[in-house]
Amino acid sequence: MVKLTIQEILDEKEAGLDLEILSGAGGLSRSISVPRIQKPGLALAGYVDSLHPDRIQIIGATELNYLGTVPTLDAIEKVRTLCSSNLSCLIITKNQPAPDYLVAQTEACNIPLLRTTHLSSSFISLITRFLEERLLPTSTLHGVLMDILGIGVLLQGKSGVGKSECALDLILRGYRLVADDIIKVRFKLPSVVFGEGMDLLHYHMEIRGLGILNIKHLFGVAAIRERKKIDLVIELVKWEHGKEYDRLGLEDHTYNLHGVELPFAQIPVAPGRNMGTIIEVAARNQLLKGMGYHSAREFQELLEKRMAAAAHLHSHSIIGENLE
């Protein structure tokens, strides 16, 4: 199960959460494993049965105004009851001041109390989107991920089959490298799979005989990109004499990645075959398929029409001869 610590959420800058810590720094190692959040208004009012301690608790103007309408001792008791549930964290929105008793109680229980400048509605959208992306399944794959004409092409195959050399040829044609060797794959709702490079290996490629190359430095920033949705999986295999390979392309094959069925093709590698060109054409063909144009099936339909027309003419010829 994927988890995020409160410290990781606090340190996040790209998502625009704009968080600061007010108290409970001792509990920053607490973790979140579900993307849903909760507003603990009912729990503060006394109904704690529906409280989910494993969710981020959002304290908005409504909750703070309610605490301000009850006697201070009652408010302290309500906060103590809330904190006794071993919450993951509390976040105050709209940059509102935190009551002293809330700061003291969260500090005593080591429950992180954070604050953001965003309104409750805006922050809930931001944090939910952030958690949904970060808490979804991830894995690592061996291969090369390229952006070819906007199509994310994942090249797979055994070590030494020529994946990196194909990718280098494609980069020389003006296409972009996402990751080489180890690809971090992340599932994203509703049914999309993204790939990106590992931090240490980003922009680097291994070419046997040359060693490690920095693609960003060699070809510039236009030759790389941070991440890309995977649209097509191609497996490179060594050509085996006597083995049958798909020559028509009538059947569409798929590759299951994190429960998402992706278009799949297996391409044999042999001396004299320009693999960069074949992979580029595969990406172009996938673009056509996405627009509803299937070359192989169109050819089959045309062939069947020609055969039907020829058979029709032949039958008419036989009937005519018999009538004579």
C-alpha atoms as a PDB file:
ATOM      1  CA  MET A   1       0.000   0.000   0.000  1.00  0.00           C
ATOM      2  CA  VAL A   2       1.327   3.425  -0.974  1.00  0.00           C
ATOM      3  CA  LYS A   3       1.647   5.873   1.925  1.00  0.00           C
ATOM      4  CA  LEU A   4       2.627   9.518   2.332  1.00  0.00           C
ATOM      5  CA  THR A   5       3.944  10.984   5.553  1.00  0.00           C
ATOM      6  CA  ILE A   6       2.699  14.338   6.789  1.00  0.00           C
ATOM      7  CA  GLN A   7       6.277  15.559   6.425  1.00  0.00           C
ATOM      8  CA  GLU A   8       6.175  14.732   2.685  1.00  0.00           C
ATOM      9  CA  ILE A   9       2.882  16.579   2.292  1.00  0.00           C
ATOM     10  CA  LEU A  10       4.273  19.569   4.186  1.00  0.00           C
ATOM     11  CA  ASP A  11       7.389  19.621   1.985  1.00  0.00           C
ATOM     12  CA  GLU A  12       5.391  19.441  -1.276  1.00  0.00           C
ATOM     13  CA  LYS A  13       5.874  22.630  -3.314  1.00  0.00           C
ATOM     14  CA  GLU A  14       4.724  21.845  -6.845  1.00  0.00           C
ATOM     15  CA  ALA A  15       1.106  21.098  -5.880  1.00  0.00           C
ATOM     16  CA  GLY A  16       0.612  24.607  -4.468  1.00  0.00           C
ATOM     17  CA  LEU A  17      -0.721  23.425  -1.101  1.00  0.00           C
ATOM     18  CA  ASP A  18       0.965  26.353   0.698  1.00  0.00           C
ATOM     19  CA  LEU A  19       1.209  24.663   4.087  1.00  0.00           C
ATOM     20  CA  GLU A  20       2.914  25.692   7.314  1.00  0.00           C
ATOM     21  CA  ILE A  21       3.126  23.827  10.613  1.00  0.00           C
ATOM     22  CA  LEU A  22       1.701  25.328  13.806  1.00  0.00           C
ATOM     23  CA  SER A  23       2.184  22.480  16.285  1.00  0.00           C
ATOM     24  CA  GLY A  24       2.602  18.729  16.652  1.00  0.00           C
ATOM     25  CA  ALA A  25       5.927  18.484  14.804  1.00  0.00           C
ATOM     26  CA  GLY A  26       6.604  15.269  16.695  1.00  0.00           C
ATOM     27  CA  GLY A  27       3.906  13.554  14.638  1.00  0.00           C
ATOM     28  CA  LEU A  28       5.145  14.451  11.149  1.00  0.00           C
ATOM     29  CA  SER A  29       6.033  10.803  10.579  1.00  0.00           C
ATOM     30  CA  ARG A  30       2.322   9.899  10.679  1.00  0.00           C
ATOM     31  CA  SER A  31       1.130   8.655   7.302  1.00  0.00           C
ATOM     32  CA  ILE A  32      -1.824   8.972   4.935  1.00  0.00           C
ATOM     33  CA  SER A  33      -2.896   6.031   2.748  1.00  0.00           C
ATOM     34  CA  VAL A  34      -6.312   7.193   1.471  1.00  0.00           C
ATOM     35  CA  PRO A  35      -6.959  10.200  -0.793  1.00  0.00           C
ATOM     36  CA  ARG A  36     -10.239  11.207   0.851  1.00  0.00           C
ATOM     37  CA  ILE A  37     -10.448  14.044   3.379  1.00  0.00           C
ATOM     38  CA  GLN A  38     -12.937  14.855   6.142  1.00  0.00           C
ATOM     39  CA  LYS A  39     -14.341  17.912   7.911  1.00  0.00           C
ATOM     40  CA  PRO A  40     -14.788  17.008  11.606  1.00  0.00           C
ATOM     41  CA  GLY A  41     -17.794  19.256  12.294  1.00  0.00           C
ATOM     42  CA  LEU A  42     -20.016  16.410  13.501  1.00  0.00           C
ATOM     43  CA  ALA A  43     -17.195  15.011  15.635  1.00  0.00           C
ATOM     44  CA  LEU A  44     -16.768  18.371  17.366  1.00  0.00           C
ATOM     45  CA  ALA A  45     -20.518  18.418  18.004  1.00  0.00           C
ATOM     46  CA  GLY A  46     -20.220  15.052  19.762  1.00  0.00           C
ATOM     47  CA  TYR A  47     -20.874  12.470  17.039  1.00  0.00           C
ATOM     48  CA  VAL A  48     -17.505  10.750  16.731  1.00  0.00           C
ATOM     49  CA  ASP A  49     -18.718   7.427  15.279  1.00  0.00           C
ATOM     50  CA  SER A  50     -18.280   8.694  11.715  1.00  0.00           C
ATOM     51  CA  LEU A  51     -14.782  10.057  12.328  1.00  0.00           C
ATOM     52  CA  HIS A  52     -12.034   8.547  10.148  1.00  0.00           C
ATOM     53  CA  PRO A  53      -8.683   9.133  11.887  1.00  0.00           C
ATOM     54  CA  ASP A  54      -6.709   7.959   8.833  1.00  0.00           C
ATOM     55  CA  ARG A  55      -7.968  10.900   6.748  1.00  0.00           C
ATOM     56  CA  ILE A  56      -6.751  14.480   6.707  1.00  0.00           C
ATOM     57  CA  GLN A  57      -9.103  16.591   8.827  1.00  0.00           C
ATOM     58  CA  ILE A  58      -9.954  20.043   7.437  1.00  0.00           C
ATOM     59  CA  ILE A  59     -10.747  22.786   9.967  1.00  0.00           C
ATOM     60  CA  GLY A  60     -12.571  25.578   8.155  1.00  0.00           C
ATOM     61  CA  ALA A  61     -14.392  28.728   9.218  1.00  0.00           C
ATOM     62  CA  THR A  62     -17.501  26.731  10.153  1.00  0.00           C
ATOM     63  CA  GLU A  63     -15.657  24.519  12.634  1.00  0.00           C
ATOM     64  CA  LEU A  64     -13.742  27.424  14.207  1.00  0.00           C
ATOM     65  CA  ASN A  65     -16.873  29.574  14.442  1.00  0.00           C
ATOM     66  CA  TYR A  66     -18.684  26.714  16.157  1.00  0.00           C
ATOM     67  CA  LEU A  67     -15.887  26.338  18.736  1.00  0.00           C
ATOM     68  CA  GLY A  68     -16.116  30.093  19.316  1.00  0.00           C
ATOM     69  CA  THR A  69     -19.832  29.870  20.210  1.00  0.00           C
ATOM     70  CA  VAL A  70     -19.413  27.364  23.063  1.00  0.00           C
ATOM     71  CA  PRO A  71     -17.817  28.019  26.476  1.00  0.00           C
ATOM     72  CA  THR A  72     -14.044  27.714  26.453  1.00  0.00           C
ATOM     73  CA  LEU A  73     -14.001  24.707  28.775  1.00  0.00           C
ATOM     74  CA  ASP A  74     -16.479  22.899  26.522  1.00  0.00           C
ATOM     75  CA  ALA A  75     -14.419  23.776  23.470  1.00  0.00           C
ATOM     76  CA  ILE A  76     -11.273  22.409  25.129  1.00  0.00           C
ATOM     77  CA  GLU A  77     -13.081  19.171  25.966  1.00  0.00           C
ATOM     78  CA  LYS A  78     -14.383  18.812  22.410  1.00  0.00           C
ATOM     79  CA  VAL A  79     -10.878  19.294  20.998  1.00  0.00           C
ATOM     80  CA  ARG A  80      -9.468  16.828  23.526  1.00  0.00           C
ATOM     81  CA  THR A  81     -12.059  14.230  22.462  1.00  0.00           C
ATOM     82  CA  LEU A  82     -11.231  14.862  18.799  1.00  0.00           C
ATOM     83  CA  CYS A  83      -7.487  14.494  19.352  1.00  0.00           C
ATOM     84  CA  SER A  84      -7.934  11.315  21.409  1.00  0.00           C
ATOM     85  CA  SER A  85      -8.880   9.550  18.166  1.00  0.00           C
ATOM     86  CA  ASN A  86      -5.210   9.521  17.102  1.00  0.00           C
ATOM     87  CA  LEU A  87      -5.762  11.663  14.011  1.00  0.00           C
ATOM     88  CA  SER A  88      -3.263  11.738  11.166  1.00  0.00           C
ATOM     89  CA  CYS A  89      -3.299  15.549  11.015  1.00  0.00           C
ATOM     90  CA  LEU A  90      -5.460  18.690  11.154  1.00  0.00           C
ATOM     91  CA  ILE A  91      -5.298  21.494   8.593  1.00  0.00           C
ATOM     92  CA  ILE A  92      -6.750  24.975   9.163  1.00  0.00           C
ATOM     93  CA  THR A  93      -7.785  26.791   5.984  1.00  0.00           C
ATOM     94  CA  LYS A  94      -8.066  30.462   4.981  1.00  0.00           C
ATOM     95  CA  ASN A  95      -5.009  31.353   7.111  1.00  0.00           C
ATOM     96  CA  GLN A  96      -7.260  31.612  10.178  1.00  0.00           C
ATOM     97  CA  PRO A  97      -5.696  31.926  13.635  1.00  0.00           C
ATOM     98  CA  ALA A  98      -5.680  28.706  15.641  1.00  0.00           C
ATOM     99  CA  PRO A  99      -7.162  28.774  19.164  1.00  0.00           C
ATOM    100  CA  ASP A 100      -4.525  28.360  21.852  1.00  0.00           C
ATOM    101  CA  TYR A 101      -6.195  25.251  23.256  1.00  0.00           C
ATOM    102  CA  LEU A 102      -6.159  23.608  19.806  1.00  0.00           C
ATOM    103  CA  VAL A 103      -2.439  24.329  19.449  1.00  0.00           C
ATOM    104  CA  ALA A 104      -1.715  23.029  22.962  1.00  0.00           C
ATOM    105  CA  GLN A 105      -3.768  19.847  22.582  1.00  0.00           C
ATOM    106  CA  THR A 106      -2.324  18.869  19.197  1.00  0.00           C
ATOM    107  CA  GLU A 107       1.176  19.524  20.550  1.00  0.00           C
ATOM    108  CA  ALA A 108       0.485  17.316  23.566  1.00  0.00           C
ATOM    109  CA  CYS A 109      -0.841  14.479  21.352  1.00  0.00           C
ATOM    110  CA  ASN A 110       1.843  14.856  18.645  1.00  0.00           C
ATOM    111  CA  ILE A 111      -0.840  15.466  16.034  1.00  0.00           C
ATOM    112  CA  PRO A 112       0.444  17.798  13.300  1.00  0.00           C
ATOM    113  CA  LEU A 113      -1.599  21.006  13.077  1.00  0.00           C
ATOM    114  CA  LEU A 114      -1.029  22.682   9.720  1.00  0.00           C
ATOM    115  CA  ARG A 115      -2.398  25.832   8.112  1.00  0.00           C
ATOM    116  CA  THR A 116      -2.935  26.959   4.534  1.00  0.00           C
ATOM    117  CA  THR A 117      -3.919  30.264   2.951  1.00  0.00           C
ATOM    118  CA  HIS A 118      -6.412  28.574   0.610  1.00  0.00           C
ATOM    119  CA  LEU A 119     -10.166  28.602   1.136  1.00  0.00           C
ATOM    120  CA  SER A 120     -11.618  25.275   2.271  1.00  0.00           C
ATOM    121  CA  SER A 121     -13.219  24.478  -1.087  1.00  0.00           C
ATOM    122  CA  SER A 122     -10.056  25.301  -3.045  1.00  0.00           C
ATOM    123  CA  PHE A 123      -7.772  23.437  -0.679  1.00  0.00           C
ATOM    124  CA  ILE A 124      -9.974  20.332  -0.637  1.00  0.00           C
ATOM    125  CA  SER A 125      -9.758  20.189  -4.445  1.00  0.00           C
ATOM    126  CA  LEU A 126      -5.979  20.673  -4.376  1.00  0.00           C
ATOM    127  CA  ILE A 127      -5.215  18.142  -1.642  1.00  0.00           C
ATOM    128  CA  THR A 128      -7.609  15.532  -3.055  1.00  0.00           C
ATOM    129  CA  ARG A 129      -6.064  15.768  -6.522  1.00  0.00           C
ATOM    130  CA  PHE A 130      -2.564  15.631  -5.022  1.00  0.00           C
ATOM    131  CA  LEU A 131      -3.340  12.590  -2.859  1.00  0.00           C
ATOM    132  CA  GLU A 132      -5.123  10.750  -5.673  1.00  0.00           C
ATOM    133  CA  GLU A 133      -2.050  11.102  -7.848  1.00  0.00           C
ATOM    134  CA  ARG A 134       0.532  10.270  -5.202  1.00  0.00           C
ATOM    135  CA  LEU A 135      -1.307   7.391  -3.521  1.00  0.00           C
ATOM    136  CA  LEU A 136      -2.151   5.441  -6.662  1.00  0.00           C
ATOM    137  CA  PRO A 137      -0.148   2.275  -7.480  1.00  0.00           C
ATOM    138  CA  THR A 138       3.406   2.710  -8.766  1.00  0.00           C
ATOM    139  CA  SER A 139       6.002   0.298 -10.098  1.00  0.00           C
ATOM    140  CA  THR A 140       9.249   0.243 -12.039  1.00  0.00           C
ATOM    141  CA  LEU A 141       9.890  -1.260 -15.478  1.00  0.00           C
ATOM    142  CA  HIS A 142      12.991  -2.006 -17.499  1.00  0.00           C
ATOM    143  CA  GLY A 143      12.880  -0.348 -20.901  1.00  0.00           C
ATOM    144  CA  VAL A 144      12.911   2.982 -22.718  1.00  0.00           C
ATOM    145  CA  LEU A 145      10.075   5.510 -22.851  1.00  0.00           C
ATOM    146  CA  MET A 146       9.925   7.935 -25.788  1.00  0.00           C
ATOM    147  CA  ASP A 147       7.595  10.717 -26.876  1.00  0.00           C
ATOM    148  CA  ILE A 148       7.052  10.196 -30.617  1.00  0.00           C
ATOM    149  CA  LEU A 149       4.594  12.616 -32.248  1.00  0.00           C
ATOM    150  CA  GLY A 150       2.785  12.949 -28.932  1.00  0.00           C
ATOM    151  CA  ILE A 151       2.484   9.166 -28.536  1.00  0.00           C
ATOM    152  CA  GLY A 152       4.166   7.746 -25.438  1.00  0.00           C
ATOM    153  CA  VAL A 153       5.991   4.655 -26.736  1.00  0.00           C
ATOM    154  CA  LEU A 154       7.356   2.174 -24.194  1.00  0.00           C
ATOM    155  CA  LEU A 155      10.130   0.014 -25.677  1.00  0.00           C
ATOM    156  CA  GLN A 156      10.703  -3.305 -23.947  1.00  0.00           C
ATOM    157  CA  GLY A 157      12.873  -6.321 -24.636  1.00  0.00           C
ATOM    158  CA  LYS A 158      15.765  -8.331 -23.282  1.00  0.00           C
ATOM    159  CA  SER A 159      19.023  -6.630 -22.393  1.00  0.00           C
ATOM    160  CA  GLY A 160      21.184  -6.049 -25.469  1.00  0.00           C
ATOM    161  CA  VAL A 161      18.371  -6.240 -28.019  1.00  0.00           C
ATOM    162  CA  GLY A 162      18.927  -2.600 -29.006  1.00  0.00           C
ATOM    163  CA  LYS A 163      16.331  -0.526 -27.143  1.00  0.00           C
ATOM    164  CA  SER A 164      18.666   2.340 -26.290  1.00  0.00           C
ATOM    165  CA  GLU A 165      20.166   2.411 -29.804  1.00  0.00           C
ATOM    166  CA  CYS A 166      16.643   2.695 -31.271  1.00  0.00           C
ATOM    167  CA  ALA A 167      15.860   5.481 -28.827  1.00  0.00           C
ATOM    168  CA  LEU A 168      19.058   7.328 -29.792  1.00  0.00           C
ATOM    169  CA  ASP A 169      18.101   7.094 -33.472  1.00  0.00           C
ATOM    170  CA  LEU A 170      14.669   8.510 -32.641  1.00  0.00           C
ATOM    171  CA  ILE A 171      16.232  11.375 -30.663  1.00  0.00           C
ATOM    172  CA  LEU A 172      18.337  12.230 -33.732  1.00  0.00           C
ATOM    173  CA  ARG A 173      15.066  12.419 -35.683  1.00  0.00           C
ATOM    174  CA  GLY A 174      13.799  15.087 -33.269  1.00  0.00           C
ATOM    175  CA  TYR A 175      11.775  12.984 -30.833  1.00  0.00           C
ATOM    176  CA  ARG A 176      12.053  13.167 -27.049  1.00  0.00           C
ATOM    177  CA  LEU A 177      13.450  10.862 -24.387  1.00  0.00           C
ATOM    178  CA  VAL A 178      11.461  10.407 -21.191  1.00  0.00           C
ATOM    179  CA  ALA A 179      13.439   7.642 -19.476  1.00  0.00           C
ATOM    180  CA  ASP A 180      16.026   4.993 -20.271  1.00  0.00           C
ATOM    181  CA  ASP A 181      16.738   1.708 -18.475  1.00  0.00           C
ATOM    182  CA  ILE A 182      14.486   2.110 -15.398  1.00  0.00           C
ATOM    183  CA  ILE A 183      11.059   3.711 -15.772  1.00  0.00           C
ATOM    184  CA  LYS A 184       8.884   4.686 -12.846  1.00  0.00           C
ATOM    185  CA  VAL A 185       5.293   3.921 -13.809  1.00  0.00           C
ATOM    186  CA  ARG A 186       2.362   5.582 -12.058  1.00  0.00           C
ATOM    187  CA  PHE A 187      -1.340   4.823 -12.488  1.00  0.00           C
ATOM    188  CA  LYS A 188      -3.675   7.800 -12.642  1.00  0.00           C
ATOM    189  CA  LEU A 189      -7.464   7.862 -12.605  1.00  0.00           C
ATOM    190  CA  PRO A 190      -9.578   7.056 -14.488  1.00  0.00           C
ATOM    191  CA  SER A 191      -7.428   4.689 -16.624  1.00  0.00           C
ATOM    192  CA  VAL A 192      -4.166   6.359 -17.566  1.00  0.00           C
ATOM    193  CA  VAL A 193      -0.593   5.188 -16.973  1.00  0.00           C
ATOM    194  CA  PHE A 194       2.269   7.675 -16.824  1.00  0.00           C
ATOM    195  CA  GLY A 195       5.975   6.968 -16.999  1.00  0.00           C
ATOM    196  CA  GLU A 196       8.918   9.041 -15.809  1.00  0.00           C
ATOM    197  CA  GLY A 197      12.607   8.590 -15.135  1.00  0.00           C
ATOM    198  CA  MET A 198      14.259   7.857 -11.823  1.00  0.00           C
ATOM    199  CA  ASP A 199      15.890  10.866 -10.181  1.00  0.00           C
ATOM    200  CA  LEU A 200      19.463   9.611 -10.552  1.00  0.00           C
ATOM    201  CA  LEU A 201      19.060   8.383 -14.151  1.00  0.00           C
ATOM    202  CA  HIS A 202      17.050  11.287 -15.535  1.00  0.00           C
ATOM    203  CA  TYR A 203      18.210  12.377 -19.022  1.00  0.00           C
ATOM    204  CA  HIS A 204      20.936   9.707 -19.075  1.00  0.00           C
ATOM    205  CA  MET A 205      21.261   6.838 -21.544  1.00  0.00           C
ATOM    206  CA  GLU A 206      23.658   3.905 -21.736  1.00  0.00           C
ATOM    207  CA  ILE A 207      25.048   3.071 -25.186  1.00  0.00           C
ATOM    208  CA  ARG A 208      27.353   0.056 -25.297  1.00  0.00           C
ATOM    209  CA  GLY A 209      30.756   1.163 -26.536  1.00  0.00           C
ATOM    210  CA  LEU A 210      30.156   4.818 -25.607  1.00  0.00           C
ATOM    211  CA  GLY A 211      29.062   4.531 -21.986  1.00  0.00           C
ATOM    212  CA  ILE A 212      26.672   6.865 -20.184  1.00  0.00           C
ATOM    213  CA  LEU A 213      25.424   9.855 -22.220  1.00  0.00           C
ATOM    214  CA  ASN A 214      23.619  12.920 -20.923  1.00  0.00           C
ATOM    215  CA  ILE A 215      20.930  13.481 -23.559  1.00  0.00           C
ATOM    216  CA  LYS A 216      19.966  16.876 -22.144  1.00  0.00           C
ATOM    217  CA  HIS A 217      23.523  18.191 -22.504  1.00  0.00           C
ATOM    218  CA  LEU A 218      24.114  16.589 -25.907  1.00  0.00           C
ATOM    219  CA  PHE A 219      20.860  17.568 -27.639  1.00  0.00           C
ATOM    220  CA  GLY A 220      19.320  20.282 -25.437  1.00  0.00           C
ATOM    221  CA  VAL A 221      16.117  20.514 -23.427  1.00  0.00           C
ATOM    222  CA  ALA A 222      13.977  19.960 -26.545  1.00  0.00           C
ATOM    223  CA  ALA A 223      15.190  16.342 -26.627  1.00  0.00           C
ATOM    224  CA  ILE A 224      13.827  15.374 -23.208  1.00  0.00           C
ATOM    225  CA  ARG A 225      10.661  15.585 -21.156  1.00  0.00           C
ATOM    226  CA  GLU A 226       9.866  14.862 -17.514  1.00  0.00           C
ATOM    227  CA  ARG A 227       6.963  12.430 -17.884  1.00  0.00           C
ATOM    228  CA  LYS A 228       4.599  11.071 -20.506  1.00  0.00           C
ATOM    229  CA  LYS A 229       1.381   9.098 -20.718  1.00  0.00           C
ATOM    230  CA  ILE A 230       2.093   5.626 -22.080  1.00  0.00           C
ATOM    231  CA  ASP A 231       0.009   5.017 -25.216  1.00  0.00           C
ATOM    232  CA  LEU A 232       1.790   2.123 -26.935  1.00  0.00           C
ATOM    233  CA  VAL A 233       3.992  -0.762 -25.796  1.00  0.00           C
ATOM    234  CA  ILE A 234       6.486  -2.269 -28.267  1.00  0.00           C
ATOM    235  CA  GLU A 235       8.532  -5.348 -27.440  1.00  0.00           C
ATOM    236  CA  LEU A 236      11.738  -5.797 -29.426  1.00  0.00           C
ATOM    237  CA  VAL A 237      12.679  -9.466 -29.909  1.00  0.00           C
ATOM    238  CA  LYS A 238      15.518 -11.131 -31.782  1.00  0.00           C
ATOM    239  CA  TRP A 239      14.450 -12.547 -35.133  1.00  0.00           C
ATOM    240  CA  GLU A 240      14.026 -16.336 -35.038  1.00  0.00           C
ATOM    241  CA  HIS A 241      14.079 -18.187 -38.360  1.00  0.00           C
ATOM    242  CA  GLY A 242      10.985 -20.308 -38.796  1.00  0.00           C
ATOM    243  CA  LYS A 243       8.901 -18.338 -36.319  1.00  0.00           C
ATOM    244  CA  GLU A 244       5.712 -16.754 -37.588  1.00  0.00           C
ATOM    245  CA  TYR A 245       5.316 -13.009 -37.028  1.00  0.00           C
ATOM    246  CA  ASP A 246       2.242 -10.861 -37.600  1.00  0.00           C
ATOM    247  CA  ARG A 247       2.297  -9.773 -41.260  1.00  0.00           C
ATOM    248  CA  LEU A 248      -1.197  -8.325 -41.628  1.00  0.00           C
ATOM    249  CA  GLY A 249      -1.901  -6.422 -38.397  1.00  0.00           C
ATOM    250  CA  LEU A 250      -5.609  -7.281 -38.421  1.00  0.00           C
ATOM    251  CA  GLU A 251      -5.725  -8.245 -34.750  1.00  0.00           C
ATOM    252  CA  ASP A 252      -5.088  -5.661 -32.038  1.00  0.00           C
ATOM    253  CA  HIS A 253      -3.010  -7.002 -29.147  1.00  0.00           C
ATOM    254  CA  THR A 254      -2.885  -5.421 -25.688  1.00  0.00           C
ATOM    255  CA  TYR A 255      -0.462  -5.203 -22.767  1.00  0.00           C
ATOM    256  CA  ASN A 256      -1.845  -4.975 -19.228  1.00  0.00           C
ATOM    257  CA  LEU A 257      -0.133  -2.357 -17.089  1.00  0.00           C
ATOM    258  CA  HIS A 258      -1.665  -1.549 -13.701  1.00  0.00           C
ATOM    259  CA  GLY A 259      -5.006  -2.839 -14.961  1.00  0.00           C
ATOM    260  CA  VAL A 260      -4.940  -0.628 -18.074  1.00  0.00           C
ATOM    261  CA  GLU A 261      -5.010  -2.401 -21.445  1.00  0.00           C
ATOM    262  CA  LEU A 262      -2.494  -0.678 -23.734  1.00  0.00           C
ATOM    263  CA  PRO A 263      -1.956  -1.314 -27.471  1.00  0.00           C
ATOM    264  CA  PHE A 264       0.901  -3.771 -27.916  1.00  0.00           C
ATOM    265  CA  ALA A 265       3.144  -4.815 -30.798  1.00  0.00           C
ATOM    266  CA  GLN A 266       6.028  -7.257 -31.001  1.00  0.00           C
ATOM    267  CA  ILE A 267       8.703  -6.305 -33.540  1.00  0.00           C
ATOM    268  CA  PRO A 268      11.522  -8.689 -34.508  1.00  0.00           C
ATOM    269  CA  VAL A 269      15.034  -7.242 -34.704  1.00  0.00           C
ATOM    270  CA  ALA A 270      17.369  -8.411 -37.470  1.00  0.00           C
ATOM    271  CA  PRO A 271      20.386  -7.013 -39.349  1.00  0.00           C
ATOM    272  CA  GLY A 272      19.309  -4.611 -42.065  1.00  0.00           C
ATOM    273  CA  ARG A 273      16.047  -3.596 -40.407  1.00  0.00           C
ATOM    274  CA  ASN A 274      15.856   0.128 -39.601  1.00  0.00           C
ATOM    275  CA  MET A 275      14.228  -0.173 -36.183  1.00  0.00           C
ATOM    276  CA  GLY A 276      13.996   3.591 -35.621  1.00  0.00           C
ATOM    277  CA  THR A 277      11.915   3.971 -38.771  1.00  0.00           C
ATOM    278  CA  ILE A 278       9.696   0.988 -37.910  1.00  0.00           C
ATOM    279  CA  ILE A 279       9.018   2.321 -34.395  1.00  0.00           C
ATOM    280  CA  GLU A 280       8.253   5.787 -35.747  1.00  0.00           C
ATOM    281  CA  VAL A 281       5.789   4.282 -38.244  1.00  0.00           C
ATOM    282  CA  ALA A 282       4.220   2.232 -35.422  1.00  0.00           C
ATOM    283  CA  ALA A 283       3.605   5.483 -33.516  1.00  0.00           C
ATOM    284  CA  ARG A 284       2.131   7.130 -36.624  1.00  0.00           C
ATOM    285  CA  ASN A 285      -0.097   4.094 -37.170  1.00  0.00           C
ATOM    286  CA  GLN A 286      -1.279   4.309 -33.555  1.00  0.00           C
ATOM    287  CA  LEU A 287      -2.204   7.949 -34.164  1.00  0.00           C
ATOM    288  CA  LEU A 288      -4.340   6.862 -37.125  1.00  0.00           C
ATOM    289  CA  LYS A 289      -6.000   4.137 -35.069  1.00  0.00           C
ATOM    290  CA  GLY A 290      -6.861   6.725 -32.423  1.00  0.00           C
ATOM    291  CA  MET A 291      -8.679   8.659 -35.153  1.00  0.00           C
ATOM    292  CA  GLY A 292     -10.620   5.556 -36.163  1.00  0.00           C
ATOM    293  CA  TYR A 293      -8.500   4.694 -39.238  1.00  0.00           C
ATOM    294  CA  HIS A 294      -7.212   1.091 -39.291  1.00  0.00           C
ATOM    295  CA  SER A 295      -4.997   0.518 -42.341  1.00  0.00           C
ATOM    296  CA  ALA A 296      -4.954  -3.293 -42.208  1.00  0.00           C
ATOM    297  CA  ARG A 297      -8.694  -3.637 -41.753  1.00  0.00           C
ATOM    298  CA  GLU A 298      -9.365  -1.104 -44.506  1.00  0.00           C
ATOM    299  CA  PHE A 299      -7.162  -3.127 -46.842  1.00  0.00           C
ATOM    300  CA  GLN A 300      -9.007  -6.311 -45.861  1.00  0.00           C
ATOM    301  CA  GLU A 301     -12.396  -4.685 -46.551  1.00  0.00           C
ATOM    302  CA  LEU A 302     -11.147  -3.429 -49.925  1.00  0.00           C
ATOM    303  CA  LEU A 303      -9.815  -6.887 -50.789  1.00  0.00           C
ATOM    304  CA  GLU A 304     -13.103  -8.551 -49.805  1.00  0.00           C
ATOM    305  CA  LYS A 305     -15.050  -6.082 -51.967  1.00  0.00           C
ATOM    306  CA  ARG A 306     -12.761  -6.804 -54.947  1.00  0.00           C
ATOM    307  CA  MET A 307     -13.143 -10.548 -54.432  1.00  0.00           C
ATOM    308  CA  ALA A 308     -16.932 -10.224 -54.114  1.00  0.00           C
ATOM    309  CA  ALA A 309     -17.085  -8.121 -57.283  1.00  0.00           C
ATOM    310  CA  ALA A 310     -14.906 -10.615 -59.168  1.00  0.00           C
ATOM    311  CA  ALA A 311     -17.078 -13.504 -57.992  1.00  0.00           C
ATOM    312  CA  HIS A 312     -20.193 -11.597 -59.043  1.00  0.00           C
ATOM    313  CA  LEU A 313     -18.794 -10.984 -62.530  1.00  0.00           C
ATOM    314  CA  HIS A 314     -17.692 -14.600 -62.812  1.00  0.00           C
ATOM    315  CA  SER A 315     -21.145 -15.864 -61.872  1.00  0.00           C
ATOM    316  CA  HIS A 316     -22.787 -13.582 -64.434  1.00  0.00           C
ATOM    317  CA  SER A 317     -20.346 -14.835 -67.076  1.00  0.00           C
ATOM    318  CA  ILE A 318     -21.216 -18.462 -66.335  1.00  0.00           C
ATOM    319  CA  ILE A 319     -24.976 -17.713 -66.389  1.00  0.00           C
ATOM    320  CA  GLY A 320     -24.599 -15.878 -69.718  1.00  0.00           C
ATOM    321  CA  GLU A 321     -22.726 -18.768 -71.299  1.00  0.00           C
ATOM    322  CA  ASN A 322     -25.357 -21.246 -70.134  1.00  0.00           C
ATOM    323  CA  LEU A 323     -28.158 -19.126 -71.617  1.00  0.00           C
ATOM    324  CA  GLU A 324     -26.437 -19.142 -74.993  1.00  0.00           C
END
